[in-house]
């Protein structure tokens, strides 16, 4: 499921992140990928040990906690602490597939079910830099307003096109969902959003209650918690 989650960050949060990133020290983005990824990746990232990365990542995690749409779509069990990247001067990331299992720090691990990119630059601040996600329906080019997030299956082939002018700033991270299967997760999301629409439309209370029970029983059957 490819889903646009608008306005994850408010104006004040976005301004704070941008100010901190402007003063940050960047490193070669190839430090966090394997040998295959390093062949097609050309960007910059905040170092893994950076205190700025940790501080800004906590801001993003707090914003995600306040997003019902993100929770309904992702059903997050674990979230890898957000990383931050910068593309400029022709920087790009060729087609690749994200690793299936990632370290959380210490002995913890995370299965990457969903990949997320949170855009921090406005579309008119840079040329190029589209996130291209390839699936069975073709290739989808994504370039969202600052503060908006795109969520997509980590199994998808994807790339970032060359940034030919300006700079593209973004946060990115991975989610291990309570529901591993993407098709089941999509069904639960569609059921959840339909229930909310019926509830707001003051549909029959007993019918809404019954559908809510169906949702939770499916989640109970499919979740890995």
N, C-alpha and C. Protein backbone atom coordinates (compact mmCIF):
# COMPACT_ATOMS: atom_id res chain seq x y z
N UNK A 1 0.85 -1.20 0.00
CA UNK A 1 0.00 0.00 0.00
C UNK A 1 0.88 1.25 0.00
N UNK A 2 0.63 2.12 -0.94
CA UNK A 2 1.32 3.40 -1.04
C UNK A 2 0.37 4.46 -0.49
N UNK A 3 0.78 5.14 0.58
CA UNK A 3 -0.14 6.07 1.24
C UNK A 3 0.54 7.39 1.56
N UNK A 4 -0.12 8.48 1.21
CA UNK A 4 0.32 9.84 1.53
C UNK A 4 -0.31 10.24 2.86
N UNK A 5 0.54 10.58 3.83
CA UNK A 5 0.07 11.05 5.14
C UNK A 5 0.41 12.54 5.24
N UNK A 6 -0.56 13.42 5.10
CA UNK A 6 -0.27 14.86 5.08
C UNK A 6 -0.05 15.44 6.48
N UNK A 7 0.73 16.52 6.51
CA UNK A 7 0.89 17.36 7.70
C UNK A 7 1.28 16.56 8.95
N UNK A 8 2.27 15.70 8.82
CA UNK A 8 2.79 14.99 9.99
C UNK A 8 3.47 15.99 10.93
N UNK A 9 4.19 16.95 10.35
CA UNK A 9 4.85 17.99 11.13
C UNK A 9 4.09 19.30 11.00
N UNK A 10 3.95 20.01 12.11
CA UNK A 10 3.35 21.34 12.05
C UNK A 10 4.41 22.35 11.60
N UNK A 11 4.00 23.58 11.36
CA UNK A 11 4.91 24.62 10.86
C UNK A 11 6.07 24.85 11.81
N UNK A 12 5.80 24.89 13.11
CA UNK A 12 6.85 25.15 14.10
C UNK A 12 7.85 23.99 14.15
N UNK A 13 7.36 22.76 14.12
CA UNK A 13 8.25 21.60 14.14
C UNK A 13 9.13 21.57 12.90
N UNK A 14 8.53 21.84 11.77
CA UNK A 14 9.27 21.83 10.51
C UNK A 14 10.37 22.89 10.51
N UNK A 15 10.03 24.09 10.99
CA UNK A 15 11.02 25.17 11.04
C UNK A 15 12.18 24.81 11.96
N UNK A 16 11.88 24.18 13.09
CA UNK A 16 12.92 23.77 14.03
C UNK A 16 13.84 22.73 13.44
N UNK A 17 13.29 21.75 12.73
CA UNK A 17 14.11 20.73 12.09
C UNK A 17 14.98 21.34 11.00
N UNK A 18 14.40 22.21 10.20
CA UNK A 18 15.17 22.83 9.11
C UNK A 18 16.34 23.64 9.66
N UNK A 19 16.10 24.40 10.72
CA UNK A 19 17.16 25.22 11.31
C UNK A 19 18.29 24.34 11.83
N UNK A 20 17.94 23.25 12.51
CA UNK A 20 18.96 22.35 13.04
C UNK A 20 19.74 21.66 11.93
N UNK A 21 19.07 21.28 10.86
CA UNK A 21 19.75 20.60 9.75
C UNK A 21 20.68 21.54 8.99
N UNK A 22 20.32 22.81 8.92
CA UNK A 22 21.19 23.78 8.24
C UNK A 22 22.53 23.91 8.94
N UNK A 23 22.55 23.73 10.26
CA UNK A 23 23.79 23.87 11.03
C UNK A 23 24.48 22.54 11.29
N UNK A 24 23.90 21.45 10.80
CA UNK A 24 24.42 20.11 11.14
C UNK A 24 25.65 19.76 10.32
N UNK A 25 26.40 18.80 10.85
CA UNK A 25 27.54 18.23 10.14
C UNK A 25 27.07 16.95 9.43
N UNK A 26 27.29 16.88 8.13
CA UNK A 26 26.82 15.75 7.34
C UNK A 26 27.98 14.80 7.03
N UNK A 27 27.63 13.56 6.71
CA UNK A 27 28.62 12.56 6.33
C UNK A 27 28.14 11.84 5.08
N UNK A 28 29.01 11.04 4.48
CA UNK A 28 28.68 10.29 3.27
C UNK A 28 27.57 9.29 3.57
N UNK A 29 26.50 9.33 2.79
CA UNK A 29 25.35 8.46 3.01
C UNK A 29 25.64 6.99 2.80
N UNK A 30 26.76 6.67 2.14
CA UNK A 30 27.08 5.27 1.89
C UNK A 30 27.52 4.53 3.14
N UNK A 31 27.72 5.25 4.24
CA UNK A 31 28.18 4.60 5.47
C UNK A 31 27.14 3.67 6.08
N UNK A 32 25.88 3.83 5.70
CA UNK A 32 24.82 3.04 6.33
C UNK A 32 24.21 2.00 5.39
N UNK A 33 24.89 1.70 4.26
CA UNK A 33 24.37 0.68 3.34
C UNK A 33 25.45 -0.35 3.07
N UNK A 34 25.01 -1.49 2.50
CA UNK A 34 25.95 -2.53 2.12
C UNK A 34 26.63 -2.21 0.81
N UNK A 35 27.39 -3.18 0.32
CA UNK A 35 28.20 -2.95 -0.87
C UNK A 35 27.36 -2.69 -2.11
N UNK A 36 26.22 -3.37 -2.24
CA UNK A 36 25.37 -3.13 -3.41
C UNK A 36 24.76 -1.74 -3.37
N UNK A 37 24.22 -1.35 -2.21
CA UNK A 37 23.63 -0.02 -2.09
C UNK A 37 24.64 1.08 -2.32
N UNK A 38 25.88 0.87 -1.87
CA UNK A 38 26.91 1.89 -2.01
C UNK A 38 27.24 2.19 -3.47
N UNK A 39 26.93 1.25 -4.35
CA UNK A 39 27.22 1.45 -5.77
C UNK A 39 26.25 2.43 -6.43
N UNK A 40 25.07 2.61 -5.83
CA UNK A 40 24.05 3.46 -6.47
C UNK A 40 23.63 4.63 -5.60
N UNK A 41 24.24 4.78 -4.43
CA UNK A 41 23.83 5.82 -3.48
C UNK A 41 24.83 6.96 -3.49
N UNK A 42 24.30 8.18 -3.67
CA UNK A 42 25.16 9.36 -3.63
C UNK A 42 24.38 10.49 -2.96
N UNK A 43 24.52 10.55 -1.64
CA UNK A 43 23.87 11.61 -0.87
C UNK A 43 24.64 11.81 0.43
N UNK A 44 24.08 12.62 1.31
CA UNK A 44 24.68 12.84 2.62
C UNK A 44 23.65 12.51 3.70
N UNK A 45 24.14 12.09 4.87
CA UNK A 45 23.27 11.79 6.01
C UNK A 45 23.87 12.37 7.28
N UNK A 46 23.01 12.54 8.28
CA UNK A 46 23.52 12.83 9.60
C UNK A 46 24.20 11.58 10.14
N UNK A 47 25.37 11.70 10.76
CA UNK A 47 26.06 10.51 11.30
C UNK A 47 25.18 9.76 12.29
N UNK A 48 25.35 8.45 12.34
CA UNK A 48 24.56 7.62 13.23
C UNK A 48 24.72 8.02 14.70
N UNK A 49 25.92 8.48 15.05
CA UNK A 49 26.18 8.84 16.45
C UNK A 49 25.82 10.29 16.77
N UNK A 50 25.25 11.01 15.81
CA UNK A 50 24.97 12.42 15.99
C UNK A 50 23.87 12.67 17.03
N UNK A 51 24.14 13.57 17.96
CA UNK A 51 23.11 13.93 18.95
C UNK A 51 21.97 14.70 18.28
N UNK A 52 22.29 15.42 17.19
CA UNK A 52 21.25 16.13 16.44
C UNK A 52 20.29 15.13 15.82
N UNK A 53 20.82 14.05 15.25
CA UNK A 53 19.97 13.00 14.67
C UNK A 53 19.01 12.45 15.73
N UNK A 54 19.53 12.18 16.92
CA UNK A 54 18.68 11.64 17.98
C UNK A 54 17.60 12.63 18.39
N UNK A 55 17.99 13.88 18.57
CA UNK A 55 17.04 14.91 19.00
C UNK A 55 15.94 15.12 17.96
N UNK A 56 16.33 15.25 16.70
CA UNK A 56 15.34 15.47 15.65
C UNK A 56 14.49 14.23 15.42
N UNK A 57 15.11 13.05 15.58
CA UNK A 57 14.36 11.81 15.44
C UNK A 57 13.26 11.70 16.47
N UNK A 58 13.52 12.17 17.68
CA UNK A 58 12.49 12.14 18.73
C UNK A 58 11.34 13.07 18.39
N UNK A 59 11.64 14.19 17.73
CA UNK A 59 10.57 15.10 17.30
C UNK A 59 9.67 14.39 16.29
N UNK A 60 10.29 13.69 15.35
CA UNK A 60 9.52 12.97 14.32
C UNK A 60 8.68 11.86 14.97
N UNK A 61 9.27 11.10 15.88
CA UNK A 61 8.53 10.03 16.54
C UNK A 61 7.34 10.57 17.32
N UNK A 62 7.52 11.71 17.97
CA UNK A 62 6.42 12.33 18.68
C UNK A 62 5.29 12.75 17.75
N UNK A 63 5.68 13.27 16.58
CA UNK A 63 4.67 13.67 15.60
C UNK A 63 3.92 12.45 15.05
N UNK A 64 4.61 11.35 14.86
CA UNK A 64 3.95 10.13 14.38
C UNK A 64 2.95 9.61 15.41
N UNK A 65 3.30 9.72 16.67
CA UNK A 65 2.39 9.29 17.74
C UNK A 65 1.08 10.07 17.70
N UNK A 66 1.13 11.29 17.18
CA UNK A 66 -0.05 12.16 17.15
C UNK A 66 -0.81 12.05 15.82
N UNK A 67 -0.42 11.09 14.96
CA UNK A 67 -1.06 10.96 13.64
C UNK A 67 -1.92 9.70 13.59
N UNK A 68 -3.24 9.81 13.74
CA UNK A 68 -4.11 8.64 13.65
C UNK A 68 -4.02 7.93 12.29
N UNK A 69 -3.83 8.71 11.22
CA UNK A 69 -3.76 8.11 9.89
C UNK A 69 -2.53 7.22 9.75
N UNK A 70 -1.39 7.70 10.27
CA UNK A 70 -0.18 6.89 10.22
C UNK A 70 -0.38 5.60 11.00
N UNK A 71 -0.94 5.69 12.20
CA UNK A 71 -1.14 4.49 13.01
C UNK A 71 -2.09 3.51 12.33
N UNK A 72 -3.18 4.01 11.77
CA UNK A 72 -4.17 3.13 11.13
C UNK A 72 -3.57 2.39 9.95
N UNK A 73 -2.70 3.07 9.20
CA UNK A 73 -2.11 2.46 8.01
C UNK A 73 -0.95 1.53 8.34
N UNK A 74 -0.10 1.95 9.27
CA UNK A 74 1.12 1.19 9.55
C UNK A 74 0.94 0.14 10.64
N UNK A 75 0.04 0.36 11.57
CA UNK A 75 -0.10 -0.51 12.75
C UNK A 75 1.28 -0.84 13.32
N UNK A 76 2.02 0.19 13.72
CA UNK A 76 3.43 -0.01 14.07
C UNK A 76 3.64 -0.81 15.35
N UNK A 77 4.57 -1.75 15.27
CA UNK A 77 5.04 -2.48 16.44
C UNK A 77 6.39 -1.93 16.88
N UNK A 78 7.29 -1.71 15.91
CA UNK A 78 8.59 -1.10 16.15
C UNK A 78 8.87 -0.10 15.05
N UNK A 79 9.56 0.99 15.40
CA UNK A 79 9.99 1.99 14.42
C UNK A 79 11.49 2.21 14.59
N UNK A 80 12.23 2.08 13.49
CA UNK A 80 13.65 2.39 13.55
C UNK A 80 13.82 3.89 13.77
N UNK A 81 14.66 4.32 14.71
CA UNK A 81 14.85 5.76 14.92
C UNK A 81 15.14 6.48 13.60
N UNK A 82 14.41 7.55 13.30
CA UNK A 82 14.55 8.22 12.01
C UNK A 82 15.98 8.68 11.71
N UNK A 83 16.34 8.58 10.44
CA UNK A 83 17.58 9.12 9.92
C UNK A 83 17.24 10.30 9.02
N UNK A 84 18.26 11.09 8.69
CA UNK A 84 18.04 12.30 7.91
C UNK A 84 19.06 12.35 6.77
N UNK A 85 18.57 12.69 5.57
CA UNK A 85 19.47 12.76 4.43
C UNK A 85 19.33 14.07 3.67
N UNK A 86 20.34 14.32 2.84
CA UNK A 86 20.43 15.54 2.05
C UNK A 86 20.91 15.18 0.65
N UNK A 87 20.16 15.61 -0.36
CA UNK A 87 20.54 15.42 -1.75
C UNK A 87 20.77 16.79 -2.38
N UNK A 88 21.89 16.96 -3.07
CA UNK A 88 22.21 18.21 -3.76
C UNK A 88 23.29 17.91 -4.79
N UNK A 89 23.49 18.84 -5.73
CA UNK A 89 24.59 18.72 -6.68
C UNK A 89 24.57 17.45 -7.50
N UNK A 90 23.39 17.01 -7.92
CA UNK A 90 23.28 15.79 -8.71
C UNK A 90 23.15 14.53 -7.88
N UNK A 91 23.09 14.66 -6.56
CA UNK A 91 22.95 13.49 -5.69
C UNK A 91 21.71 12.68 -6.02
N UNK A 92 21.85 11.36 -5.91
CA UNK A 92 20.74 10.47 -6.24
C UNK A 92 20.93 9.15 -5.51
N UNK A 93 19.92 8.28 -5.64
CA UNK A 93 20.00 6.93 -5.08
C UNK A 93 19.30 6.04 -6.09
N UNK A 94 20.07 5.19 -6.77
CA UNK A 94 19.51 4.33 -7.80
C UNK A 94 18.57 3.27 -7.25
N UNK A 95 17.93 2.53 -8.15
CA UNK A 95 16.97 1.52 -7.72
C UNK A 95 17.60 0.53 -6.75
N UNK A 96 16.87 0.24 -5.69
CA UNK A 96 17.33 -0.69 -4.67
C UNK A 96 16.13 -1.20 -3.88
N UNK A 97 16.34 -2.23 -3.09
CA UNK A 97 15.34 -2.75 -2.16
C UNK A 97 15.93 -2.68 -0.77
N UNK A 98 15.17 -2.18 0.18
CA UNK A 98 15.67 -2.04 1.54
C UNK A 98 15.93 -3.40 2.19
N UNK A 99 16.91 -3.42 3.09
CA UNK A 99 17.22 -4.64 3.80
C UNK A 99 16.02 -5.15 4.59
N UNK A 100 15.92 -6.48 4.71
CA UNK A 100 14.76 -7.08 5.36
C UNK A 100 14.79 -6.97 6.88
N UNK A 101 15.99 -7.04 7.46
CA UNK A 101 16.13 -6.98 8.91
C UNK A 101 17.18 -5.93 9.27
N UNK A 102 16.86 -5.06 10.21
CA UNK A 102 17.74 -3.96 10.59
C UNK A 102 17.97 -3.96 12.09
N UNK A 103 19.13 -3.48 12.47
CA UNK A 103 19.47 -3.40 13.89
C UNK A 103 18.85 -2.17 14.53
N UNK A 104 18.29 -2.38 15.71
CA UNK A 104 17.70 -1.28 16.47
C UNK A 104 18.70 -0.68 17.46
N UNK A 105 19.86 -1.29 17.58
CA UNK A 105 20.80 -0.88 18.61
C UNK A 105 20.86 -1.94 19.68
N UNK A 106 22.05 -2.21 20.19
CA UNK A 106 22.19 -3.29 21.14
C UNK A 106 21.93 -4.61 20.45
N UNK A 107 21.07 -5.43 21.04
CA UNK A 107 20.74 -6.72 20.44
C UNK A 107 19.39 -6.71 19.74
N UNK A 108 18.74 -5.57 19.70
CA UNK A 108 17.41 -5.48 19.10
C UNK A 108 17.45 -5.50 17.59
N UNK A 109 16.39 -6.04 16.98
CA UNK A 109 16.27 -6.08 15.53
C UNK A 109 14.86 -5.69 15.12
N UNK A 110 14.74 -5.28 13.87
CA UNK A 110 13.45 -4.86 13.32
C UNK A 110 13.31 -5.46 11.93
N UNK A 111 12.16 -6.04 11.64
CA UNK A 111 11.84 -6.50 10.29
C UNK A 111 11.24 -5.32 9.53
N UNK A 112 11.77 -4.97 8.39
CA UNK A 112 11.29 -3.80 7.65
C UNK A 112 10.08 -4.18 6.80
N UNK A 113 8.89 -3.90 7.31
CA UNK A 113 7.66 -4.11 6.56
C UNK A 113 7.30 -2.89 5.73
N UNK A 114 7.53 -1.71 6.29
CA UNK A 114 7.15 -0.45 5.64
C UNK A 114 8.31 0.52 5.65
N UNK A 115 8.49 1.22 4.54
CA UNK A 115 9.48 2.28 4.42
C UNK A 115 8.75 3.62 4.43
N UNK A 116 9.35 4.63 5.05
CA UNK A 116 8.71 5.94 5.16
C UNK A 116 9.70 7.04 4.82
N UNK A 117 9.26 7.99 4.03
CA UNK A 117 10.03 9.20 3.75
C UNK A 117 9.19 10.40 4.17
N UNK A 118 9.75 11.22 5.05
CA UNK A 118 9.09 12.44 5.51
C UNK A 118 9.82 13.61 4.86
N UNK A 119 9.14 14.30 3.95
CA UNK A 119 9.76 15.38 3.20
C UNK A 119 9.92 16.62 4.09
N UNK A 120 11.12 17.23 4.03
CA UNK A 120 11.42 18.42 4.84
C UNK A 120 11.70 19.64 4.00
N UNK A 121 11.78 19.49 2.68
CA UNK A 121 11.96 20.61 1.76
C UNK A 121 10.71 20.75 0.90
N UNK A 122 10.34 21.99 0.59
CA UNK A 122 9.20 22.21 -0.29
C UNK A 122 9.57 21.80 -1.72
N UNK A 123 8.60 21.33 -2.51
CA UNK A 123 8.89 20.86 -3.87
C UNK A 123 9.56 21.91 -4.76
N UNK A 124 9.25 23.20 -4.53
CA UNK A 124 9.83 24.23 -5.40
C UNK A 124 11.23 24.66 -4.94
N UNK A 125 11.76 24.04 -3.91
CA UNK A 125 13.10 24.38 -3.43
C UNK A 125 14.20 23.58 -4.13
N UNK A 126 13.80 22.59 -4.92
CA UNK A 126 14.81 21.78 -5.60
C UNK A 126 14.22 21.20 -6.89
N UNK A 127 15.10 20.91 -7.83
CA UNK A 127 14.71 20.26 -9.09
C UNK A 127 15.13 18.80 -9.02
N UNK A 128 14.26 17.91 -9.53
CA UNK A 128 14.52 16.48 -9.43
C UNK A 128 14.18 16.00 -8.04
N UNK A 129 14.86 14.92 -7.60
CA UNK A 129 14.67 14.43 -6.25
C UNK A 129 13.37 13.71 -6.00
N UNK A 130 12.68 13.27 -7.07
CA UNK A 130 11.45 12.51 -6.86
C UNK A 130 11.77 11.13 -6.30
N UNK A 131 10.97 10.69 -5.36
CA UNK A 131 11.02 9.30 -4.92
C UNK A 131 10.20 8.50 -5.91
N UNK A 132 10.79 7.49 -6.51
CA UNK A 132 10.11 6.66 -7.49
C UNK A 132 9.95 5.27 -6.90
N UNK A 133 8.71 4.85 -6.72
CA UNK A 133 8.41 3.53 -6.15
C UNK A 133 7.82 2.66 -7.26
N UNK A 134 8.43 1.50 -7.45
CA UNK A 134 7.99 0.58 -8.50
C UNK A 134 7.22 -0.58 -7.88
N UNK A 135 6.01 -0.83 -8.42
CA UNK A 135 5.23 -1.98 -7.96
C UNK A 135 4.54 -2.62 -9.15
N UNK A 136 3.59 -3.50 -8.90
CA UNK A 136 2.94 -4.21 -10.01
C UNK A 136 2.12 -3.29 -10.90
N UNK A 137 1.83 -2.08 -10.44
CA UNK A 137 1.05 -1.13 -11.23
C UNK A 137 1.92 -0.13 -11.97
N UNK A 138 3.25 -0.29 -11.90
CA UNK A 138 4.15 0.61 -12.60
C UNK A 138 5.01 1.41 -11.64
N UNK A 139 5.53 2.54 -12.14
CA UNK A 139 6.39 3.40 -11.33
C UNK A 139 5.62 4.65 -10.91
N UNK A 140 5.73 4.99 -9.63
CA UNK A 140 5.01 6.13 -9.07
C UNK A 140 6.03 7.16 -8.61
N UNK A 141 5.93 8.38 -9.14
CA UNK A 141 6.83 9.48 -8.76
C UNK A 141 6.19 10.28 -7.63
N UNK A 142 6.94 10.49 -6.57
CA UNK A 142 6.40 11.16 -5.38
C UNK A 142 7.28 12.32 -4.99
N UNK A 143 6.66 13.47 -4.84
CA UNK A 143 7.37 14.68 -4.40
C UNK A 143 6.35 15.50 -3.61
N UNK A 144 6.42 15.42 -2.30
CA UNK A 144 5.37 15.95 -1.44
C UNK A 144 5.76 17.27 -0.78
N UNK A 145 4.77 18.01 -0.28
CA UNK A 145 5.05 19.22 0.48
C UNK A 145 5.86 18.91 1.74
N UNK A 146 6.62 19.88 2.20
CA UNK A 146 7.39 19.71 3.44
C UNK A 146 6.43 19.41 4.59
N UNK A 147 6.79 18.41 5.40
CA UNK A 147 5.96 18.00 6.52
C UNK A 147 5.05 16.83 6.21
N UNK A 148 4.98 16.43 4.93
CA UNK A 148 4.15 15.30 4.53
C UNK A 148 4.99 14.03 4.41
N UNK A 149 4.35 12.89 4.58
CA UNK A 149 5.04 11.60 4.60
C UNK A 149 4.45 10.66 3.58
N UNK A 150 5.31 9.85 2.96
CA UNK A 150 4.84 8.76 2.10
C UNK A 150 5.24 7.44 2.75
N UNK A 151 4.32 6.50 2.75
CA UNK A 151 4.51 5.19 3.36
C UNK A 151 4.31 4.15 2.28
N UNK A 152 5.22 3.17 2.17
CA UNK A 152 5.12 2.16 1.12
C UNK A 152 5.80 0.87 1.56
N UNK A 153 5.46 -0.28 0.95
CA UNK A 153 6.06 -1.54 1.36
C UNK A 153 7.58 -1.55 1.15
N UNK A 154 8.32 -2.04 2.13
CA UNK A 154 9.77 -2.07 2.02
C UNK A 154 10.25 -3.06 0.97
N UNK A 155 9.38 -3.95 0.54
CA UNK A 155 9.73 -4.91 -0.51
C UNK A 155 9.75 -4.26 -1.89
N UNK A 156 9.29 -3.03 -2.01
CA UNK A 156 9.22 -2.35 -3.31
C UNK A 156 10.61 -1.88 -3.76
N UNK A 157 10.87 -2.01 -5.06
CA UNK A 157 12.04 -1.36 -5.63
C UNK A 157 11.77 0.14 -5.68
N UNK A 158 12.76 0.96 -5.31
CA UNK A 158 12.56 2.40 -5.32
C UNK A 158 13.88 3.12 -5.51
N UNK A 159 13.79 4.39 -5.88
CA UNK A 159 14.98 5.20 -6.09
C UNK A 159 14.66 6.66 -5.85
N UNK A 160 15.69 7.49 -5.76
CA UNK A 160 15.55 8.94 -5.70
C UNK A 160 16.27 9.50 -6.92
N UNK A 161 15.54 10.26 -7.75
CA UNK A 161 16.13 10.80 -8.97
C UNK A 161 17.14 11.91 -8.64
N UNK A 162 18.08 12.20 -9.54
CA UNK A 162 19.11 13.21 -9.27
C UNK A 162 18.51 14.58 -8.94
N UNK A 163 19.06 15.21 -7.92
CA UNK A 163 18.69 16.58 -7.57
C UNK A 163 19.64 17.50 -8.34
N UNK A 164 19.11 18.18 -9.33
CA UNK A 164 19.95 18.96 -10.24
C UNK A 164 20.14 20.41 -9.79
N UNK A 165 19.29 20.89 -8.90
CA UNK A 165 19.49 22.22 -8.31
C UNK A 165 18.78 22.27 -6.97
N UNK A 166 19.26 23.17 -6.09
CA UNK A 166 18.70 23.25 -4.75
C UNK A 166 19.12 22.05 -3.91
N UNK A 167 18.41 21.83 -2.81
CA UNK A 167 18.69 20.66 -1.98
C UNK A 167 17.41 20.06 -1.46
N UNK A 168 17.43 18.76 -1.33
CA UNK A 168 16.29 17.98 -0.85
C UNK A 168 16.63 17.40 0.51
N UNK A 169 15.90 17.82 1.54
CA UNK A 169 16.09 17.31 2.90
C UNK A 169 14.91 16.40 3.25
N UNK A 170 15.20 15.31 3.93
CA UNK A 170 14.13 14.39 4.31
C UNK A 170 14.56 13.57 5.51
N UNK A 171 13.56 13.08 6.23
CA UNK A 171 13.76 12.05 7.24
C UNK A 171 13.27 10.74 6.65
N UNK A 172 13.91 9.64 7.02
CA UNK A 172 13.46 8.35 6.53
C UNK A 172 13.64 7.30 7.62
N UNK A 173 12.77 6.29 7.60
CA UNK A 173 12.80 5.28 8.64
C UNK A 173 11.97 4.09 8.20
N UNK A 174 12.04 3.02 9.00
CA UNK A 174 11.33 1.79 8.68
C UNK A 174 10.45 1.37 9.84
N UNK A 175 9.40 0.64 9.51
CA UNK A 175 8.42 0.21 10.49
C UNK A 175 8.25 -1.31 10.42
N UNK A 176 8.28 -1.96 11.57
CA UNK A 176 7.81 -3.34 11.67
C UNK A 176 6.37 -3.27 12.15
N UNK A 177 5.47 -3.75 11.33
CA UNK A 177 4.05 -3.66 11.64
C UNK A 177 3.59 -4.83 12.51
N UNK A 178 2.51 -4.61 13.25
CA UNK A 178 1.88 -5.71 13.97
C UNK A 178 1.33 -6.76 13.01
N UNK A 179 1.03 -6.33 11.77
CA UNK A 179 0.50 -7.23 10.74
C UNK A 179 1.51 -7.28 9.61
N UNK A 180 2.17 -8.42 9.45
CA UNK A 180 3.25 -8.55 8.48
C UNK A 180 2.76 -8.43 7.04
N UNK A 181 1.63 -9.06 6.72
CA UNK A 181 1.16 -9.16 5.34
C UNK A 181 0.57 -7.84 4.86
N UNK A 182 1.05 -7.35 3.73
CA UNK A 182 0.60 -6.05 3.22
C UNK A 182 -0.87 -6.06 2.82
N UNK A 183 -1.34 -7.14 2.22
CA UNK A 183 -2.74 -7.19 1.78
C UNK A 183 -3.69 -7.19 2.98
N UNK A 184 -3.32 -7.89 4.04
CA UNK A 184 -4.14 -7.88 5.25
C UNK A 184 -4.12 -6.51 5.91
N UNK A 185 -2.95 -5.90 5.92
CA UNK A 185 -2.83 -4.56 6.51
C UNK A 185 -3.68 -3.56 5.74
N UNK A 186 -3.73 -3.70 4.42
CA UNK A 186 -4.56 -2.82 3.60
C UNK A 186 -6.04 -3.02 3.92
N UNK A 187 -6.48 -4.27 4.04
CA UNK A 187 -7.88 -4.55 4.36
C UNK A 187 -8.27 -3.94 5.71
N UNK A 188 -7.38 -4.07 6.69
CA UNK A 188 -7.67 -3.49 8.00
C UNK A 188 -7.75 -1.97 7.92
N UNK A 189 -6.87 -1.37 7.14
CA UNK A 189 -6.89 0.09 6.99
C UNK A 189 -8.20 0.54 6.33
N UNK A 190 -8.60 -0.15 5.26
CA UNK A 190 -9.83 0.23 4.58
C UNK A 190 -11.04 0.03 5.48
N UNK A 191 -11.05 -1.03 6.26
CA UNK A 191 -12.15 -1.27 7.19
C UNK A 191 -12.17 -0.20 8.27
N UNK A 192 -11.01 0.14 8.79
CA UNK A 192 -10.92 1.15 9.85
C UNK A 192 -11.42 2.50 9.36
N UNK A 193 -10.98 2.92 8.17
CA UNK A 193 -11.40 4.22 7.64
C UNK A 193 -12.90 4.22 7.30
N UNK A 194 -13.42 3.10 6.85
CA UNK A 194 -14.86 3.02 6.56
C UNK A 194 -15.68 3.13 7.83
N UNK A 195 -15.22 2.46 8.89
CA UNK A 195 -15.91 2.54 10.18
C UNK A 195 -15.95 3.99 10.67
N UNK A 196 -14.81 4.68 10.54
CA UNK A 196 -14.75 6.08 11.00
C UNK A 196 -15.69 6.96 10.18
N UNK A 197 -15.77 6.72 8.88
CA UNK A 197 -16.68 7.49 8.03
C UNK A 197 -18.13 7.26 8.45
N UNK A 198 -18.48 6.01 8.71
CA UNK A 198 -19.84 5.69 9.15
C UNK A 198 -20.13 6.32 10.50
N UNK A 199 -19.17 6.27 11.40
CA UNK A 199 -19.37 6.85 12.73
C UNK A 199 -19.61 8.34 12.66
N UNK A 200 -18.80 9.04 11.84
CA UNK A 200 -18.97 10.48 11.71
C UNK A 200 -20.28 10.83 11.01
N UNK A 201 -20.76 9.92 10.16
CA UNK A 201 -22.02 10.14 9.46
C UNK A 201 -23.22 9.71 10.28
N UNK A 202 -22.97 9.36 11.55
CA UNK A 202 -24.04 8.97 12.48
C UNK A 202 -24.85 7.79 11.95
N UNK A 203 -24.12 6.79 11.42
CA UNK A 203 -24.77 5.55 10.99
C UNK A 203 -25.30 4.80 12.21
N UNK A 204 -26.08 3.77 11.94
CA UNK A 204 -26.67 2.97 13.03
C UNK A 204 -25.58 2.51 13.99
N UNK A 205 -25.75 2.81 15.27
CA UNK A 205 -24.73 2.54 16.26
C UNK A 205 -24.41 1.06 16.41
N UNK A 206 -25.43 0.21 16.33
CA UNK A 206 -25.20 -1.22 16.48
C UNK A 206 -24.41 -1.78 15.30
N UNK A 207 -24.70 -1.27 14.11
CA UNK A 207 -23.97 -1.72 12.92
C UNK A 207 -22.51 -1.31 13.00
N UNK A 208 -22.27 -0.07 13.45
CA UNK A 208 -20.88 0.40 13.60
C UNK A 208 -20.16 -0.43 14.65
N UNK A 209 -20.85 -0.74 15.75
CA UNK A 209 -20.26 -1.56 16.80
C UNK A 209 -19.91 -2.95 16.28
N UNK A 210 -20.78 -3.52 15.46
CA UNK A 210 -20.51 -4.85 14.91
C UNK A 210 -19.30 -4.82 13.98
N UNK A 211 -19.22 -3.81 13.14
CA UNK A 211 -18.08 -3.70 12.24
C UNK A 211 -16.79 -3.46 13.02
N UNK A 212 -16.87 -2.69 14.09
CA UNK A 212 -15.69 -2.46 14.94
C UNK A 212 -15.22 -3.77 15.54
N UNK A 213 -16.17 -4.61 15.94
CA UNK A 213 -15.82 -5.92 16.46
C UNK A 213 -15.13 -6.79 15.42
N UNK A 214 -15.62 -6.72 14.17
CA UNK A 214 -14.98 -7.46 13.08
C UNK A 214 -13.54 -6.99 12.89
N UNK A 215 -13.34 -5.66 12.92
CA UNK A 215 -11.98 -5.11 12.76
C UNK A 215 -11.05 -5.66 13.84
N UNK A 216 -11.46 -5.57 15.07
CA UNK A 216 -10.58 -5.99 16.16
C UNK A 216 -10.36 -7.51 16.19
N UNK A 217 -11.35 -8.26 15.77
CA UNK A 217 -11.16 -9.70 15.72
C UNK A 217 -10.20 -10.10 14.60
N UNK A 218 -10.26 -9.40 13.47
CA UNK A 218 -9.29 -9.63 12.41
C UNK A 218 -7.88 -9.23 12.86
N UNK A 219 -7.78 -8.09 13.51
CA UNK A 219 -6.48 -7.65 14.02
C UNK A 219 -5.94 -8.66 15.03
N UNK A 220 -6.80 -9.15 15.88
CA UNK A 220 -6.40 -10.15 16.87
C UNK A 220 -5.89 -11.42 16.20
N UNK A 221 -6.54 -11.81 15.10
CA UNK A 221 -6.15 -13.03 14.41
C UNK A 221 -4.87 -12.86 13.61
N UNK A 222 -4.64 -11.68 13.08
CA UNK A 222 -3.51 -11.46 12.17
C UNK A 222 -2.29 -10.84 12.81
N UNK A 223 -2.44 -10.22 13.97
CA UNK A 223 -1.30 -9.51 14.55
C UNK A 223 -0.30 -10.48 15.14
N UNK A 224 0.95 -10.03 15.24
CA UNK A 224 2.05 -10.84 15.76
C UNK A 224 2.51 -10.34 17.12
N UNK A 225 1.66 -9.62 17.80
CA UNK A 225 2.00 -9.08 19.11
C UNK A 225 1.92 -10.18 20.17
